[in-house]
Amino acid sequence: MAGSPYVKSLFWLAAFGGIGYGLLIATTPSGEKLERIKSSSSQSFPTVENKNKQLFMDQLKKSANVTDEIEDPTKKQN
């Protein structure tokens, strides 16, 4: 290839672009795989929101099991 550097650059750009596009198409996961990945990852790694919800529910259960009476500060003991 004794041609112009622009022709060489265009050739290499087209060649590597085609290879990249081919790899993109060949490695694209199917819809089933995407759904399986989404469902497994959501259970494995809880989000911050889910952690906060779980913490709130744990505290709510803990406070519901408390049998001590809460003293009313407005009432004075004689």
C-alpha atoms as a PDB file:
ATOM      1  CA  MET A   1       0.000   0.000   0.000  1.00  0.00           C
ATOM      2  CA  ALA A   2       1.971   2.886  -1.280  1.00  0.00           C
ATOM      3  CA  GLY A   3      -1.062   5.152  -1.293  1.00  0.00           C
ATOM      4  CA  SER A   4      -1.833   8.261   0.591  1.00  0.00           C
ATOM      5  CA  PRO A   5      -1.756   8.184   4.407  1.00  0.00           C
ATOM      6  CA  TYR A   6      -5.409   9.245   4.335  1.00  0.00           C
ATOM      7  CA  VAL A   7      -6.359   6.128   2.381  1.00  0.00           C
ATOM      8  CA  LYS A   8      -4.392   3.941   4.801  1.00  0.00           C
ATOM      9  CA  SER A   9      -6.055   5.612   7.767  1.00  0.00           C
ATOM     10  CA  LEU A  10      -9.482   5.168   6.201  1.00  0.00           C
ATOM     11  CA  PHE A  11      -8.727   1.507   5.521  1.00  0.00           C
ATOM     12  CA  TRP A  12      -7.617   0.850   9.127  1.00  0.00           C
ATOM     13  CA  LEU A  13     -10.561   2.790  10.512  1.00  0.00           C
ATOM     14  CA  ALA A  14     -13.011   0.730   8.459  1.00  0.00           C
ATOM     15  CA  ALA A  15     -11.255  -2.542   9.306  1.00  0.00           C
ATOM     16  CA  PHE A  16     -11.152  -2.005  13.066  1.00  0.00           C
ATOM     17  CA  GLY A  17     -14.613  -0.477  13.080  1.00  0.00           C
ATOM     18  CA  GLY A  18     -15.935  -3.604  11.373  1.00  0.00           C
ATOM     19  CA  ILE A  19     -14.142  -5.848  13.851  1.00  0.00           C
ATOM     20  CA  GLY A  20     -15.506  -3.819  16.758  1.00  0.00           C
ATOM     21  CA  TYR A  21     -19.041  -3.956  15.385  1.00  0.00           C
ATOM     22  CA  GLY A  22     -18.723  -7.706  14.835  1.00  0.00           C
ATOM     23  CA  LEU A  23     -17.614  -8.215  18.430  1.00  0.00           C
ATOM     24  CA  LEU A  24     -20.453  -6.018  19.650  1.00  0.00           C
ATOM     25  CA  ILE A  25     -23.024  -8.127  17.827  1.00  0.00           C
ATOM     26  CA  ALA A  26     -21.381 -11.410  18.823  1.00  0.00           C
ATOM     27  CA  THR A  27     -21.221 -10.583  22.544  1.00  0.00           C
ATOM     28  CA  THR A  28     -24.633  -8.953  23.001  1.00  0.00           C
ATOM     29  CA  PRO A  29     -26.531 -10.962  25.646  1.00  0.00           C
ATOM     30  CA  SER A  30     -30.045 -12.185  24.965  1.00  0.00           C
ATOM     31  CA  GLY A  31     -33.089 -10.898  26.803  1.00  0.00           C
ATOM     32  CA  GLU A  32     -33.277 -14.057  28.902  1.00  0.00           C
ATOM     33  CA  LYS A  33     -29.707 -13.637  30.102  1.00  0.00           C
ATOM     34  CA  LEU A  34     -30.311  -9.985  30.975  1.00  0.00           C
ATOM     35  CA  GLU A  35     -33.389 -10.855  33.030  1.00  0.00           C
ATOM     36  CA  ARG A  36     -31.527 -13.656  34.817  1.00  0.00           C
ATOM     37  CA  ILE A  37     -28.645 -11.296  35.629  1.00  0.00           C
ATOM     38  CA  LYS A  38     -31.007  -8.603  36.898  1.00  0.00           C
ATOM     39  CA  SER A  39     -32.954 -10.986  39.118  1.00  0.00           C
ATOM     40  CA  SER A  40     -29.865 -12.604  40.609  1.00  0.00           C
ATOM     41  CA  SER A  41     -28.011  -9.349  41.233  1.00  0.00           C
ATOM     42  CA  SER A  42     -30.959  -7.658  42.950  1.00  0.00           C
ATOM     43  CA  GLN A  43     -31.094 -10.451  45.511  1.00  0.00           C
ATOM     44  CA  SER A  44     -27.348 -10.695  46.059  1.00  0.00           C
ATOM     45  CA  PHE A  45     -26.593  -7.035  46.622  1.00  0.00           C
ATOM     46  CA  PRO A  46     -29.301  -5.070  48.446  1.00  0.00           C
ATOM     47  CA  THR A  47     -29.479  -1.424  47.585  1.00  0.00           C
ATOM     48  CA  VAL A  48     -29.128   1.357  50.132  1.00  0.00           C
ATOM     49  CA  GLU A  49     -32.876   1.927  49.972  1.00  0.00           C
ATOM     50  CA  ASN A  50     -33.607  -1.729  50.719  1.00  0.00           C
ATOM     51  CA  LYS A  51     -31.103  -1.706  53.585  1.00  0.00           C
ATOM     52  CA  ASN A  52     -32.789   1.356  55.071  1.00  0.00           C
ATOM     53  CA  LYS A  53     -36.219  -0.259  54.733  1.00  0.00           C
ATOM     54  CA  GLN A  54     -34.983  -3.417  56.425  1.00  0.00           C
ATOM     55  CA  LEU A  55     -33.375  -1.429  59.238  1.00  0.00           C
ATOM     56  CA  PHE A  56     -36.615   0.503  59.755  1.00  0.00           C
ATOM     57  CA  MET A  57     -38.639  -2.713  59.861  1.00  0.00           C
ATOM     58  CA  ASP A  58     -36.206  -4.240  62.367  1.00  0.00           C
ATOM     59  CA  GLN A  59     -36.469  -1.186  64.620  1.00  0.00           C
ATOM     60  CA  LEU A  60     -40.244  -1.197  64.288  1.00  0.00           C
ATOM     61  CA  LYS A  61     -40.428  -4.868  65.303  1.00  0.00           C
ATOM     62  CA  LYS A  62     -38.059  -4.233  68.172  1.00  0.00           C
ATOM     63  CA  SER A  63     -40.119  -1.314  69.468  1.00  0.00           C
ATOM     64  CA  ALA A  64     -43.359  -3.269  69.119  1.00  0.00           C
ATOM     65  CA  ASN A  65     -41.972  -5.970  71.409  1.00  0.00           C
ATOM     66  CA  VAL A  66     -41.052  -3.526  74.175  1.00  0.00           C
ATOM     67  CA  THR A  67     -43.422  -3.992  77.119  1.00  0.00           C
ATOM     68  CA  ASP A  68     -42.150  -1.148  79.287  1.00  0.00           C
ATOM     69  CA  GLU A  69     -44.611   1.645  79.785  1.00  0.00           C
ATOM     70  CA  ILE A  70     -43.551   5.052  78.629  1.00  0.00           C
ATOM     71  CA  GLU A  71     -43.789   7.660  81.342  1.00  0.00           C
ATOM     72  CA  ASP A  72     -45.804  10.732  80.581  1.00  0.00           C
ATOM     73  CA  PRO A  73     -43.633  13.762  81.449  1.00  0.00           C
ATOM     74  CA  THR A  74     -46.703  16.009  81.845  1.00  0.00           C
ATOM     75  CA  LYS A  75     -48.051  13.965  84.728  1.00  0.00           C
ATOM     76  CA  LYS A  76     -46.430  14.705  88.043  1.00  0.00           C
ATOM     77  CA  GLN A  77     -46.095  12.017  90.613  1.00  0.00           C
ATOM     78  CA  ASN A  78     -47.257  13.010  94.091  1.00  0.00           C
END
